[in-house]
Amino acid sequence: MAADEEFKLPDSVHQGSRYLYGSVDRSVKVLDPTTGTVLRGLVGHGGTVNSVKMSEDGMRALSGGLDGLVKLWDLNTALCIRTFKGHGYEIECVDMLTDGLRIVSGSADRTLKMWEITSGKCVTTCVGHHDAVTCCALFPSLMGNKAATGSADQHIKTWDLDTGECLMTLAGHVNMIHSIAITTTDKYGLRCLSGSYDCTLGVWNLDRGECTHMLHGHTEPVTAVAMSEDGSKGLSGSRDKSVRVWNLETGKCKATCTGHKKHVTGVKLSGDGKHAMSGSKDGCIRAWDLTKPVCLRTYKFSNHPIMCVDMAEGLDDSHKLEDLEHVKYQDPNLEDETDGVPCCQS
């Protein structure tokens, strides 16, 4: 690509998309990937933001932090709607039920809690892990109020969120589990993808309660995973600074995406599995076209490590945020920061 040629993101990446990320600087930020503009800077946590989740309509955000608090934000007004208190230690993971009425949070206090948004009360506490609950993922809504959790105790557990009952415990990893994702399809059934500090990814069939593949390739702990809606493609980020693309049917790595200079802390995959975003302790968010594969654009606003990311897709003008605050996109323009660099295909 010529030096003076403008590189533009394809419409499928940025049209109707919104990025969300949390940082060591205690803030949650909302990014428009089209313009490279931070639309919102949400401040209120008293420590590092460890986990974020955006509602499907892109109008609300959930965050959990080192301060042990879970916060729900109205992204249009940039105000905190409610703060949820009750965990004994830092928050490791958060998620939203699709009914918009309840949320879940996992903590270093070894529990997963479900909260009612209107009252702010904890309605269920799931107890059973022997170490920190580091990650959680909700089952598809048609399967009822159920969730899976990963823990530093090396196990995955599934839960009935209405009763707090543990439904299943899965073992296979030999170090802490740091990230999980869930999807269901006619072909694969209820599929779970896990990433562990043992440097592997696990592919699980939750209908049968068994591991179908252990994926090897990362050279350091796997810190983040994501999965396409059809369950065929996986994405992982690692302390080895790489993002890997996986064929979950064969268990083979299809591409290794490099460019981050420090640990990759979060990854998100588009529903069709063609595009992705990643966040890192290098303070950068990268947008990827996985059909090439290639890094399309790097966003960087400070040197504060990014700890977690999320993405909403398919947003239209009815979900547009008012311009309350704009922070102009500052492209680092560093000589060693090159967009449009191909990944290494396997």
Protein backbone atom coordinates (compact mmCIF):
# COMPACT_ATOMS: atom_id res chain seq x y z
CA MET A 1 0.00 0.00 0.00
CA ALA A 2 1.40 3.37 -0.99
CA ALA A 3 2.43 5.68 1.82
CA ASP A 4 -0.12 8.32 0.80
CA GLU A 5 -2.96 5.87 0.20
CA GLU A 6 -5.74 6.06 2.78
CA PHE A 7 -6.65 2.71 4.26
CA LYS A 8 -10.36 2.45 5.02
CA LEU A 9 -12.15 -0.15 7.08
CA PRO A 10 -14.65 -2.19 5.07
CA ASP A 11 -18.27 -1.32 5.78
CA SER A 12 -18.88 -4.71 7.38
CA VAL A 13 -16.41 -3.88 10.15
CA HIS A 14 -17.52 -0.48 11.27
CA GLN A 15 -21.02 0.27 10.01
CA GLY A 16 -23.31 -0.08 13.00
CA SER A 17 -20.55 -1.27 15.34
CA ARG A 18 -19.51 0.13 18.70
CA TYR A 19 -16.47 -0.83 20.77
CA LEU A 20 -16.25 -0.82 24.56
CA TYR A 21 -13.16 -1.20 26.71
CA GLY A 22 -12.00 -0.95 30.31
CA SER A 23 -8.59 0.13 31.51
CA VAL A 24 -6.12 0.29 34.35
CA ASP A 25 -6.90 4.03 34.50
CA ARG A 26 -10.25 3.05 36.18
CA SER A 27 -12.36 4.19 33.25
CA VAL A 28 -14.72 2.62 30.73
CA LYS A 29 -14.64 4.06 27.23
CA VAL A 30 -16.94 3.78 24.21
CA LEU A 31 -15.26 3.93 20.81
CA ASP A 32 -16.72 4.59 17.37
CA PRO A 33 -14.48 2.48 15.11
CA THR A 34 -15.64 4.41 12.03
CA THR A 35 -14.21 7.74 13.10
CA GLY A 36 -11.76 6.55 15.73
CA THR A 37 -13.49 8.79 18.25
CA VAL A 38 -14.05 8.04 21.92
CA LEU A 39 -17.73 8.88 22.41
CA ARG A 40 -17.89 8.32 26.15
CA GLY A 41 -15.49 8.22 29.05
CA LEU A 42 -17.21 6.67 32.07
CA VAL A 43 -15.55 7.32 35.41
CA GLY A 44 -16.59 5.93 38.77
CA HIS A 45 -14.61 2.82 39.61
CA GLY A 46 -12.02 3.01 42.34
CA GLY A 47 -9.63 0.59 40.66
CA THR A 48 -8.76 -1.21 37.44
CA VAL A 49 -11.76 -2.18 35.31
CA ASN A 50 -11.47 -5.95 34.83
CA SER A 51 -14.56 -6.73 32.74
CA VAL A 52 -17.05 -4.93 30.50
CA LYS A 53 -20.21 -5.91 28.64
CA MET A 54 -22.37 -3.88 26.26
CA SER A 55 -26.09 -4.44 25.72
CA GLU A 56 -27.16 -5.73 22.32
CA ASP A 57 -28.65 -2.33 21.43
CA GLY A 58 -25.41 -0.56 22.35
CA MET A 59 -27.14 1.79 24.79
CA ARG A 60 -26.04 0.33 28.12
CA ALA A 61 -22.76 -0.93 29.50
CA LEU A 62 -21.85 -3.06 32.47
CA SER A 63 -18.47 -2.97 34.20
CA GLY A 64 -16.77 -4.75 37.07
CA GLY A 65 -13.63 -3.64 38.82
CA LEU A 66 -10.84 -4.22 41.24
CA ASP A 67 -12.87 -2.18 43.73
CA GLY A 68 -15.38 -5.04 44.05
CA LEU A 69 -18.17 -3.03 42.42
CA VAL A 70 -20.39 -3.72 39.43
CA LYS A 71 -21.71 -0.65 37.63
CA LEU A 72 -24.46 -0.26 35.04
CA TRP A 73 -24.15 2.74 32.70
CA ASP A 74 -26.55 4.60 30.43
CA LEU A 75 -24.35 5.30 27.42
CA ASN A 76 -26.57 8.05 26.05
CA THR A 77 -26.35 10.16 29.20
CA ALA A 78 -22.95 8.77 30.31
CA LEU A 79 -24.39 8.32 33.80
CA CYS A 80 -24.10 5.40 36.16
CA ILE A 81 -27.61 3.97 36.58
CA ARG A 82 -26.83 1.65 39.45
CA THR A 83 -23.96 0.26 41.49
CA PHE A 84 -24.19 -3.32 42.70
CA LYS A 85 -22.46 -4.15 45.98
CA GLY A 86 -22.18 -7.52 47.65
CA HIS A 87 -19.08 -9.35 46.48
CA GLY A 88 -16.29 -9.73 49.01
CA TYR A 89 -13.40 -9.24 46.60
CA GLU A 90 -12.62 -7.86 43.15
CA ILE A 91 -14.96 -8.45 40.21
CA GLU A 92 -13.48 -10.68 37.51
CA CYS A 93 -16.35 -10.96 34.99
CA VAL A 94 -19.78 -9.51 34.16
CA ASP A 95 -22.59 -10.27 31.71
CA MET A 96 -26.16 -9.16 30.93
CA LEU A 97 -29.23 -11.34 30.54
CA THR A 98 -31.06 -10.60 27.30
CA ASP A 99 -34.27 -9.69 29.17
CA GLY A 100 -32.56 -6.46 30.20
CA LEU A 101 -33.73 -6.98 33.78
CA ARG A 102 -30.87 -8.93 35.32
CA ILE A 103 -27.10 -9.13 35.27
CA VAL A 104 -24.48 -11.58 36.52
CA SER A 105 -21.04 -11.08 38.03
CA GLY A 106 -18.20 -13.37 39.06
CA SER A 107 -15.65 -12.54 41.70
CA ALA A 108 -12.44 -13.52 43.41
CA ASP A 109 -14.73 -14.37 46.35
CA ARG A 110 -15.42 -17.65 44.45
CA THR A 111 -19.07 -16.88 43.69
CA LEU A 112 -21.26 -16.00 40.72
CA LYS A 113 -24.15 -13.68 41.55
CA MET A 114 -27.29 -12.73 39.65
CA TRP A 115 -28.66 -9.26 40.33
CA GLU A 116 -31.99 -7.58 39.68
CA ILE A 117 -31.42 -4.26 37.92
CA THR A 118 -34.49 -2.40 39.18
CA SER A 119 -33.84 -3.06 42.85
CA GLY A 120 -30.09 -3.57 42.75
CA LYS A 121 -30.53 -6.67 44.89
CA CYS A 122 -28.69 -9.96 44.55
CA VAL A 123 -31.32 -12.64 43.83
CA THR A 124 -29.06 -15.69 43.44
CA THR A 125 -25.57 -16.63 44.61
CA CYS A 126 -23.91 -19.64 42.99
CA VAL A 127 -21.41 -21.29 45.32
CA GLY A 128 -19.17 -24.23 44.45
CA HIS A 129 -15.85 -23.12 43.00
CA HIS A 130 -12.80 -23.46 45.24
CA ASP A 131 -11.01 -20.42 43.86
CA ALA A 132 -11.80 -17.16 42.03
CA VAL A 133 -14.53 -17.15 39.39
CA THR A 134 -12.53 -15.63 36.56
CA CYS A 135 -15.00 -15.77 33.65
CA CYS A 136 -18.65 -16.40 32.86
CA ALA A 137 -20.86 -16.89 29.82
CA LEU A 138 -24.65 -17.07 29.58
CA PHE A 139 -26.53 -19.84 27.83
CA PRO A 140 -28.79 -18.84 24.91
CA SER A 141 -31.97 -17.33 26.35
CA LEU A 142 -34.19 -20.10 24.94
CA MET A 143 -32.43 -22.53 27.28
CA GLY A 144 -33.50 -20.60 30.37
CA ASN A 145 -31.49 -18.67 32.90
CA LYS A 146 -28.29 -20.69 32.90
CA ALA A 147 -24.61 -19.82 32.82
CA ALA A 148 -21.17 -21.36 32.70
CA THR A 149 -18.21 -20.21 34.77
CA GLY A 150 -14.48 -20.78 34.61
CA SER A 151 -12.28 -20.58 37.66
CA ALA A 152 -8.77 -20.46 38.99
CA ASP A 153 -9.60 -23.91 40.43
CA GLN A 154 -9.17 -25.22 36.83
CA HIS A 155 -12.83 -26.27 36.45
CA ILE A 156 -15.81 -25.19 34.38
CA LYS A 157 -19.19 -25.30 36.09
CA THR A 158 -22.69 -24.76 34.69
CA TRP A 159 -25.44 -23.23 36.80
CA ASP A 160 -29.17 -22.75 37.08
CA LEU A 161 -29.30 -19.03 37.83
CA ASP A 162 -32.81 -19.19 39.26
CA THR A 163 -31.91 -21.72 41.95
CA GLY A 164 -28.13 -21.40 42.25
CA GLU A 165 -27.77 -25.15 41.60
CA CYS A 166 -24.58 -26.43 40.00
CA LEU A 167 -25.63 -28.55 37.02
CA MET A 168 -22.28 -29.85 35.80
CA THR A 169 -18.55 -29.70 36.58
CA LEU A 170 -15.98 -30.19 33.82
CA ALA A 171 -12.28 -30.90 34.29
CA GLY A 172 -9.48 -31.03 31.75
CA HIS A 173 -7.34 -27.93 32.09
CA VAL A 174 -4.28 -28.08 34.35
CA ASN A 175 -4.12 -24.38 35.23
CA MET A 176 -6.61 -21.58 35.85
CA ILE A 177 -9.31 -20.94 33.26
CA HIS A 178 -9.37 -17.28 32.27
CA SER A 179 -12.03 -16.96 29.56
CA ILE A 180 -15.02 -18.85 28.15
CA ALA A 181 -17.57 -18.41 25.38
CA ILE A 182 -20.79 -20.30 24.58
CA THR A 183 -22.97 -20.79 21.51
CA THR A 184 -25.55 -23.33 20.38
CA THR A 185 -26.18 -24.68 16.88
CA ASP A 186 -27.98 -27.64 15.32
CA LYS A 187 -24.65 -29.02 14.13
CA TYR A 188 -22.55 -28.75 17.29
CA GLY A 189 -25.18 -28.50 20.01
CA LEU A 190 -24.30 -26.44 23.06
CA ARG A 191 -20.62 -25.62 22.53
CA CYS A 192 -18.24 -23.97 24.98
CA LEU A 193 -14.75 -22.61 24.28
CA SER A 194 -12.33 -22.09 27.17
CA GLY A 195 -8.92 -20.47 27.43
CA SER A 196 -6.48 -21.39 30.18
CA TYR A 197 -3.18 -20.44 31.74
CA ASP A 198 -2.00 -23.93 30.70
CA CYS A 199 -1.58 -22.30 27.24
CA THR A 200 -4.42 -24.35 25.69
CA LEU A 201 -8.00 -23.85 24.56
CA GLY A 202 -10.68 -26.41 25.33
CA VAL A 203 -13.65 -27.13 23.05
CA TRP A 204 -16.52 -28.64 25.04
CA ASN A 205 -19.87 -30.22 24.21
CA LEU A 206 -22.04 -29.17 27.13
CA ASP A 207 -24.90 -31.42 26.04
CA ARG A 208 -22.70 -34.46 26.62
CA GLY A 209 -20.43 -32.90 29.23
CA GLU A 210 -17.23 -33.76 27.41
CA CYS A 211 -14.16 -32.13 25.87
CA THR A 212 -13.95 -32.66 22.10
CA HIS A 213 -10.62 -30.90 21.45
CA MET A 214 -7.70 -29.37 23.29
CA LEU A 215 -6.09 -26.74 21.07
CA HIS A 216 -2.34 -26.17 21.24
CA GLY A 217 -0.33 -23.34 19.71
CA HIS A 218 0.02 -20.45 22.14
CA THR A 219 3.34 -20.35 23.96
CA GLU A 220 2.04 -18.47 27.01
CA PRO A 221 -1.26 -18.37 28.95
CA VAL A 222 -4.48 -17.90 26.98
CA THR A 223 -6.21 -14.84 28.40
CA ALA A 224 -9.21 -14.33 26.10
CA VAL A 225 -11.47 -16.35 23.79
CA ALA A 226 -14.43 -15.72 21.50
CA MET A 227 -16.50 -17.87 19.17
CA SER A 228 -18.54 -17.33 15.99
CA GLU A 229 -22.31 -17.75 16.24
CA ASP A 230 -22.24 -20.96 14.20
CA GLY A 231 -19.65 -22.48 16.52
CA SER A 232 -17.18 -23.27 13.75
CA LYS A 233 -14.55 -20.60 14.39
CA GLY A 234 -12.72 -19.60 17.54
CA LEU A 235 -10.53 -16.64 18.43
CA SER A 236 -7.97 -16.43 21.21
CA GLY A 237 -5.63 -13.90 22.75
CA SER A 238 -2.59 -14.68 24.83
CA ARG A 239 0.24 -13.36 26.93
CA ASP A 240 2.43 -14.33 23.97
CA LYS A 241 1.07 -11.10 22.37
CA SER A 242 -0.70 -12.92 19.53
CA VAL A 243 -4.30 -13.42 18.41
CA ARG A 244 -5.04 -16.84 16.89
CA VAL A 245 -7.88 -17.97 14.66
CA TRP A 246 -9.05 -21.59 15.04
CA ASN A 247 -11.10 -24.09 13.09
CA LEU A 248 -13.06 -25.63 15.98
CA GLU A 249 -14.18 -28.62 13.95
CA THR A 250 -10.64 -29.78 13.21
CA GLY A 251 -8.90 -28.16 16.16
CA LYS A 252 -6.36 -26.53 13.83
CA CYS A 253 -4.98 -23.00 14.03
CA LYS A 254 -5.80 -21.20 10.77
CA ALA A 255 -3.93 -17.93 11.34
CA THR A 256 -1.75 -16.14 13.87
CA CYS A 257 -2.26 -12.36 14.07
CA THR A 258 0.64 -10.36 15.47
CA GLY A 259 1.18 -6.69 16.17
CA HIS A 260 0.40 -6.15 19.83
CA LYS A 261 3.49 -5.38 21.88
CA LYS A 262 2.21 -6.68 25.21
CA HIS A 263 -0.28 -9.23 26.56
CA VAL A 264 -3.57 -9.52 24.68
CA THR A 265 -6.26 -9.09 27.32
CA GLY A 266 -9.49 -9.24 25.31
CA VAL A 267 -10.85 -10.43 21.97
CA LYS A 268 -14.27 -10.21 20.31
CA LEU A 269 -15.45 -11.89 17.13
CA SER A 270 -18.19 -10.68 14.81
CA GLY A 271 -21.22 -12.93 14.58
CA ASP A 272 -20.25 -14.15 11.11
CA GLY A 273 -16.68 -14.82 12.21
CA LYS A 274 -15.17 -12.56 9.54
CA HIS A 275 -13.98 -9.65 11.67
CA ALA A 276 -12.56 -9.19 15.13
CA MET A 277 -11.20 -6.72 17.65
CA SER A 278 -8.55 -7.16 20.30
CA GLY A 279 -7.29 -5.16 23.25
CA SER A 280 -3.91 -5.31 24.93
CA LYS A 281 -1.80 -4.07 27.80
CA ASP A 282 0.07 -2.05 25.17
CA GLY A 283 -2.86 0.39 25.31
CA CYS A 284 -4.01 -0.45 21.77
CA ILE A 285 -7.20 -1.79 20.25
CA ARG A 286 -6.79 -3.48 16.88
CA ALA A 287 -9.45 -4.18 14.25
CA TRP A 288 -8.88 -7.34 12.18
CA ASP A 289 -10.25 -8.63 8.89
CA LEU A 290 -10.03 -12.38 9.33
CA THR A 291 -10.88 -13.16 5.72
CA LYS A 292 -7.43 -11.97 4.59
CA PRO A 293 -6.37 -12.03 7.46
CA VAL A 294 -5.02 -8.54 8.11
CA CYS A 295 -4.91 -5.82 10.78
CA LEU A 296 -7.02 -2.98 9.46
CA ARG A 297 -6.51 -0.28 12.02
CA THR A 298 -4.90 0.40 15.38
CA TYR A 299 -6.55 2.70 17.92
CA LYS A 300 -4.50 4.17 20.74
CA PHE A 301 -5.41 7.02 23.06
CA SER A 302 -3.01 6.55 25.97
CA ASN A 303 -0.40 4.18 27.35
CA HIS A 304 -2.75 2.80 30.01
CA PRO A 305 -3.14 -0.97 29.66
CA ILE A 306 -6.49 -2.11 28.29
CA MET A 307 -7.88 -4.95 30.41
CA CYS A 308 -11.14 -5.94 28.69
CA VAL A 309 -13.16 -5.30 25.53
CA ASP A 310 -16.61 -5.82 24.06
CA MET A 311 -18.42 -5.00 20.84
CA ALA A 312 -22.01 -4.40 19.70
CA GLU A 313 -23.05 -4.94 16.08
CA GLY A 314 -25.98 -4.16 13.82
CA LEU A 315 -26.75 -0.76 15.34
CA ASP A 316 -28.79 1.75 13.32
CA ASP A 317 -29.51 5.47 13.66
CA SER A 318 -32.01 4.84 16.46
CA HIS A 319 -29.09 3.70 18.61
CA LYS A 320 -26.90 6.70 17.91
CA LEU A 321 -25.31 8.36 20.94
CA GLU A 322 -25.60 12.10 21.40
CA ASP A 323 -22.35 14.04 21.19
CA LEU A 324 -21.83 14.77 24.87
CA GLU A 325 -18.06 14.44 24.75
CA HIS A 326 -15.61 13.93 21.92
CA VAL A 327 -11.99 12.93 22.20
CA LYS A 328 -10.42 13.20 18.80
CA TYR A 329 -8.71 10.04 17.60
CA GLN A 330 -5.00 10.34 18.00
CA ASP A 331 -3.22 8.00 15.62
CA PRO A 332 0.17 7.14 17.17
CA ASN A 333 1.83 7.38 13.72
CA LEU A 334 4.74 5.41 15.09
CA GLU A 335 7.11 3.92 12.57
CA ASP A 336 6.62 0.45 14.02
CA GLU A 337 2.82 0.78 14.06
CA THR A 338 1.74 -0.43 10.64
CA ASP A 339 -1.87 -1.12 9.70
CA GLY A 340 -2.73 -3.44 6.87
CA VAL A 341 -0.05 -5.94 7.91
CA PRO A 342 -1.00 -9.51 7.02
CA CYS A 343 -1.18 -12.20 9.68
CA CYS A 344 0.70 -15.47 9.40
CA GLN A 345 -1.63 -18.12 7.98
CA SER A 346 -1.19 -21.69 9.14
